[in-house]
Protein backbone atom coordinates (compact mmCIF):
# COMPACT_ATOMS: atom_id res chain seq x y z
CA MET A 1 13.85 6.71 47.33
CA ILE A 2 13.90 6.24 50.97
CA VAL A 3 17.54 7.48 51.11
CA ARG A 4 15.96 10.72 48.75
CA LEU A 5 13.10 11.27 51.38
CA LEU A 6 15.53 10.84 54.50
CA ILE A 7 17.72 13.24 52.66
CA VAL A 8 14.79 15.81 52.11
CA ALA A 9 13.85 15.49 55.93
CA LEU A 10 17.67 16.56 56.85
CA ILE A 11 17.35 19.82 54.46
CA VAL A 12 13.84 20.82 55.96
CA ALA A 13 14.44 20.28 59.81
CA ALA A 14 17.90 21.75 59.20
CA PRO A 15 18.59 25.23 60.75
CA ALA A 16 18.81 28.37 58.11
CA GLN A 17 18.19 31.96 60.33
CA ALA A 18 22.26 32.97 59.97
CA GLN A 19 21.52 36.66 58.12
CA SER A 20 23.16 37.29 54.85
CA PRO A 21 26.30 39.10 54.51
CA GLN A 22 25.58 40.72 50.69
CA PRO A 23 22.45 42.16 49.74
CA ALA A 24 19.68 39.02 48.67
CA ARG A 25 18.19 38.64 45.41
CA GLU A 26 14.86 39.24 45.67
CA ARG A 27 12.46 36.16 45.51
CA ALA A 28 9.12 34.71 45.38
CA PRO A 29 7.21 34.51 48.82
CA ILE A 30 6.53 30.99 49.68
CA SER A 31 2.76 30.25 48.38
CA ARG A 32 0.01 28.24 50.27
CA TRP A 33 -0.31 25.76 47.09
CA GLU A 34 3.57 24.95 47.44
CA LEU A 35 4.22 22.43 50.09
CA PRO A 36 0.98 20.33 49.86
CA VAL A 37 2.18 20.46 46.47
CA THR A 38 5.52 19.38 47.34
CA ILE A 39 4.09 17.54 49.80
CA ALA A 40 2.17 15.15 46.77
CA GLY A 41 4.98 15.11 44.41
CA LEU A 42 7.29 13.59 47.20
CA ALA A 43 5.00 10.31 47.70
CA SER A 44 3.87 9.57 44.15
CA ALA A 45 7.87 9.99 43.95
CA LEU A 46 7.73 7.50 46.99
CA ALA A 47 4.75 4.68 46.00
CA ALA A 48 5.86 4.49 41.55
CA SER A 49 9.71 3.58 43.20
CA SER A 50 8.13 0.62 45.47
CA LEU A 51 4.91 -0.48 43.36
CA LEU A 52 5.97 0.85 39.52
CA ASP A 53 9.19 -0.85 39.05
CA PRO A 54 9.17 -2.47 35.80
CA ALA A 55 9.39 -6.39 36.02
CA ASN A 56 10.32 -6.63 32.51
CA CYS A 57 12.83 -5.01 30.46
CA HIS A 58 11.75 -2.62 27.33
CA TRP A 59 15.56 -2.02 26.43
CA CYS A 60 16.93 -5.69 27.08
CA GLU A 61 20.20 -5.50 24.74
CA THR A 62 19.29 -9.05 23.71
CA THR A 63 19.59 -10.48 20.30
CA ALA A 64 17.05 -13.26 19.14
CA SER A 65 20.13 -15.70 19.83
CA GLY A 66 21.08 -14.50 23.10
CA ALA A 67 24.02 -12.92 21.93
CA ASP A 68 25.29 -9.64 24.07
CA ALA A 69 23.12 -6.57 22.61
CA VAL A 70 25.08 -3.91 24.52
CA ASN A 71 26.75 -0.71 22.92
CA GLY A 72 30.41 -0.90 22.32
CA LEU A 73 30.43 2.16 24.45
CA ASP A 74 28.39 1.32 27.69
CA ARG A 75 30.16 -2.11 27.66
CA SER A 76 34.01 -0.90 27.41
CA VAL A 77 33.35 1.46 29.76
CA ARG A 78 31.53 -0.65 31.96
CA ASN A 79 35.02 -3.29 31.49
CA ALA A 80 37.51 -0.55 32.56
CA LEU A 81 35.44 1.11 35.18
CA ARG A 82 33.84 -1.63 37.10
CA TRP A 83 35.25 -2.50 40.76
CA SER A 84 35.61 -6.32 42.43
CA ASP A 85 32.38 -8.23 43.54
CA ALA A 86 33.96 -7.81 46.50
CA ASN A 87 33.95 -3.88 46.37
CA LEU A 88 30.83 -3.61 44.71
CA GLY A 89 28.53 -2.53 47.54
CA ARG A 90 31.61 -0.02 48.87
CA ALA A 91 31.18 1.96 45.03
CA ASP A 92 27.43 1.91 46.13
CA THR A 93 28.14 3.49 49.15
CA LEU A 94 30.18 6.20 48.11
CA SER A 95 27.94 7.11 45.19
CA TYR A 96 25.48 8.52 48.15
CA VAL A 97 27.70 9.80 49.86
CA THR A 98 29.62 11.93 46.66
CA ALA A 99 25.99 12.55 45.61
CA PHE A 100 25.02 14.56 49.08
CA THR A 101 28.36 16.10 50.64
CA PRO A 102 27.84 19.81 49.27
CA LEU A 103 24.33 19.35 50.49
CA GLY A 104 25.45 18.87 53.78
CA LEU A 105 28.06 21.33 53.75
CA VAL A 106 25.36 23.94 52.93
CA LEU A 107 23.69 23.10 55.23
CA VAL A 108 26.12 23.39 58.09
CA ARG A 109 27.30 26.62 57.15
CA ARG A 110 23.66 27.18 57.09
CA ASP A 111 23.62 29.42 53.36
CA LEU A 112 19.87 28.06 53.26
CA ASP A 113 16.48 29.63 54.26
CA GLY A 114 12.93 28.36 54.25
CA ARG A 115 12.46 29.76 50.31
CA GLY A 116 15.63 28.28 49.64
CA ILE A 117 14.85 24.40 51.29
CA LEU A 118 11.92 24.74 49.71
CA THR A 119 12.86 25.04 45.99
CA VAL A 120 15.52 22.17 46.30
CA VAL A 121 13.33 19.89 47.63
CA GLN A 122 11.04 20.59 44.80
CA ALA A 123 14.35 20.16 42.19
CA LEU A 124 15.06 17.18 44.09
CA THR A 125 10.89 15.77 44.28
CA THR A 126 10.78 17.25 39.92
CA THR A 127 13.68 14.97 39.39
CA SER A 128 12.69 12.48 41.16
CA LEU A 129 9.72 12.54 39.72
CA ILE A 130 11.13 12.57 35.96
CA ALA A 131 13.49 9.90 36.98
CA GLN A 132 11.10 7.33 37.71
CA THR A 133 8.96 7.62 35.25
CA VAL A 134 11.72 7.70 32.17
CA LYS A 135 13.16 4.31 34.74
CA ILE A 136 9.08 2.36 33.81
CA ALA A 137 9.28 3.94 30.56
CA ALA A 138 12.84 2.30 29.80
CA ALA A 139 12.90 -0.68 31.59
CA ARG A 140 16.58 -1.09 30.96
CA GLU A 141 18.16 -3.61 32.39
CA ARG A 142 21.04 -3.20 34.76
CA PRO A 143 24.89 -3.90 34.13
CA SER A 144 24.78 -6.24 37.51
CA TYR A 145 22.12 -8.31 35.92
CA ARG A 146 22.75 -8.71 32.56
CA TYR A 147 26.35 -9.52 32.92
CA ARG A 148 25.40 -11.52 36.35
CA ARG A 149 27.20 -14.58 36.73
CA PRO A 150 24.86 -17.73 37.73
CA GLY A 151 23.48 -18.23 40.72
CA SER A 152 23.89 -14.38 41.51
CA VAL A 153 20.63 -12.41 43.13
CA ASP A 154 20.21 -9.20 43.36
CA GLN A 155 17.35 -6.95 44.71
CA PRO A 156 14.09 -8.39 42.25
CA ASN A 157 12.64 -4.88 42.07
CA ASP A 158 15.32 -3.38 40.71
CA ARG A 159 16.96 -5.68 37.77
CA ASN A 160 14.86 -3.05 34.93
CA THR A 161 15.72 0.78 35.71
CA SER A 162 18.85 1.43 34.57
CA PHE A 163 18.21 4.81 32.50
CA PHE A 164 18.20 7.08 33.26
CA SER A 165 20.91 7.61 37.12
CA GLY A 166 18.44 8.73 39.57
CA HIS A 167 21.62 9.74 41.69
CA THR A 168 23.80 10.82 39.58
CA ALA A 169 20.45 13.27 38.76
CA ASP A 170 20.20 14.28 42.37
CA ALA A 171 23.78 14.88 42.61
CA PHE A 172 23.62 17.32 39.62
CA THR A 173 20.45 18.67 40.86
CA LEU A 174 21.38 18.43 44.12
CA LEU A 175 24.60 20.65 42.95
CA VAL A 176 23.16 23.63 40.32
CA SER A 177 19.87 24.20 42.43
CA VAL A 178 21.86 24.73 45.82
CA ALA A 179 24.00 26.84 44.44
CA HIS A 180 21.41 29.07 42.85
CA GLU A 181 19.93 29.20 45.81
CA THR A 182 22.98 29.99 47.83
CA ALA A 183 23.44 32.57 45.51
CA ALA A 184 20.29 34.52 45.68
CA ARG A 185 21.04 34.94 49.37
CA GLY A 186 24.26 37.10 48.45
CA ARG A 187 26.57 33.80 49.93
CA PRO A 188 29.55 33.03 47.95
CA THR A 189 29.67 30.29 45.85
CA GLY A 190 32.80 29.51 44.66
CA TRP A 191 33.66 26.68 46.59
CA LEU A 192 30.59 24.77 46.41
CA TRP A 193 31.41 24.76 42.27
CA ILE A 194 34.92 24.00 42.94
CA ALA A 195 34.04 21.11 45.37
CA GLY A 196 30.80 20.17 43.88
CA VAL A 197 30.97 18.99 40.32
CA PRO A 198 33.53 17.10 40.70
CA LEU A 199 31.57 15.29 43.53
CA ALA A 200 28.83 14.52 41.39
CA ALA A 201 30.88 13.80 38.49
CA ALA A 202 32.74 11.13 41.25
CA THR A 203 28.55 10.57 42.17
CA ALA A 204 27.95 9.04 38.04
CA TYR A 205 31.51 7.18 37.95
CA PHE A 206 30.59 5.09 41.75
CA ARG A 207 27.29 3.93 39.71
CA VAL A 208 29.34 2.29 37.30
CA SER A 209 32.55 1.16 38.95
CA ALA A 210 29.50 -0.51 41.38
CA ASP A 211 28.16 -2.22 38.00
CA ARG A 212 24.19 -0.35 38.68
CA HIS A 213 24.28 1.73 35.30
CA TYR A 214 26.53 2.70 32.19
CA LEU A 215 27.87 5.66 30.86
CA THR A 216 24.50 6.25 28.71
CA ASP A 217 22.67 5.93 31.75
CA VAL A 218 24.66 8.70 34.40
CA ILE A 219 25.12 11.17 30.82
CA ALA A 220 21.21 10.98 30.80
CA GLY A 221 20.94 11.86 34.66
CA ALA A 222 23.93 14.72 34.56
CA GLY A 223 21.75 16.63 32.35
CA VAL A 224 18.40 16.36 33.37
CA GLY A 225 19.66 16.69 36.97
CA VAL A 226 21.58 20.30 35.43
CA ALA A 227 18.31 20.97 33.59
CA VAL A 228 16.11 20.60 36.61
CA GLY A 229 18.48 22.47 39.15
CA TYR A 230 18.02 25.46 37.28
CA GLY A 231 14.73 25.42 35.80
CA ILE A 232 12.99 25.32 38.93
CA PRO A 233 14.86 27.24 40.74
CA ALA A 234 14.26 29.58 37.65
CA LEU A 235 10.75 29.68 37.66
CA GLN A 236 11.14 30.70 40.78
CA ASP A 237 12.62 34.02 40.15
CA ALA A 238 9.70 34.24 37.19
CA ARG A 239 7.38 34.98 39.87
CA SER A 240 8.86 37.24 41.92
CA VAL A 241 10.57 39.84 39.39
CA GLY A 242 7.93 39.19 36.74
CA ARG A 243 6.18 42.39 37.55
CA PRO A 244 5.97 46.16 36.05
CA THR A 245 7.92 49.16 37.59
CA ILE A 246 6.97 52.54 36.68
CA THR A 247 10.41 55.53 37.45
CA PRO A 248 9.58 59.44 36.63
CA SER A 249 11.73 61.17 35.21
CA VAL A 250 12.36 65.21 35.20
CA ASN A 251 14.93 67.47 32.80
CA ALA A 252 15.11 70.40 31.52
CA HIS A 253 13.22 69.72 28.23
CA GLY A 254 10.72 68.52 30.09
CA GLY A 255 9.52 64.55 31.75
CA GLN A 256 9.07 60.87 30.91
CA LEU A 257 7.44 58.20 33.11
CA ILE A 258 9.61 55.07 32.28
CA ALA A 259 7.99 51.49 32.42
CA THR A 260 9.82 48.57 32.81
CA TRP A 261 9.32 44.57 33.17
CA THR A 262 11.69 42.23 34.03
CA TRP A 263 10.83 38.42 32.88
């Protein structure tokens, strides 16, 4: 969660004053309530991550006799993709790089304006709140604990937060929301999709290879990320275009008024 907040700080601090080379779509202005509500959401997500990690697993995947009860798909994919013990930390680090590289490129190009920056932060905050809520409710034991060697150690507050993958959800949320806001300014997004989809998928791969998640964890994370990354900007679009337009029309046979409401 600390890394997510650092990413948010980077977004907010990034310059975004470049002019759009193409006509931009009409978007909702920033309301007075948006910034305080977003800050409150970030604070809530941080508090939940720090204070509410489940101490005991609910989704323990162990039979009454102590045998392994992880489903065959998750077990086989984990065995196939898991890196060696010496390289687990490297895979974990790479998952951060792949998740946030597309965002870094967009910030360097100054493709986001103030409206876009806030919308992306709102999407990331929403994903973090959903992820933490589900992690607490599911309390699935991470594979790094489930299959740990005797005497091995890991972060004590990180044991039962496997489902779903927050890193994967962040990666897809950022990709979809950033692409939407980049397109809204009339900026090209083809390069972003070409680079971003493989990088987001690589994030999911590295979370499994780092032994932090199962396949089902990252698939669920990707689904949530896409839904939130699309949904939050769509709600902002609905605010901006949801008003009537009346157009008069006169011809040889008379006149008429055409009223339209776009939602």
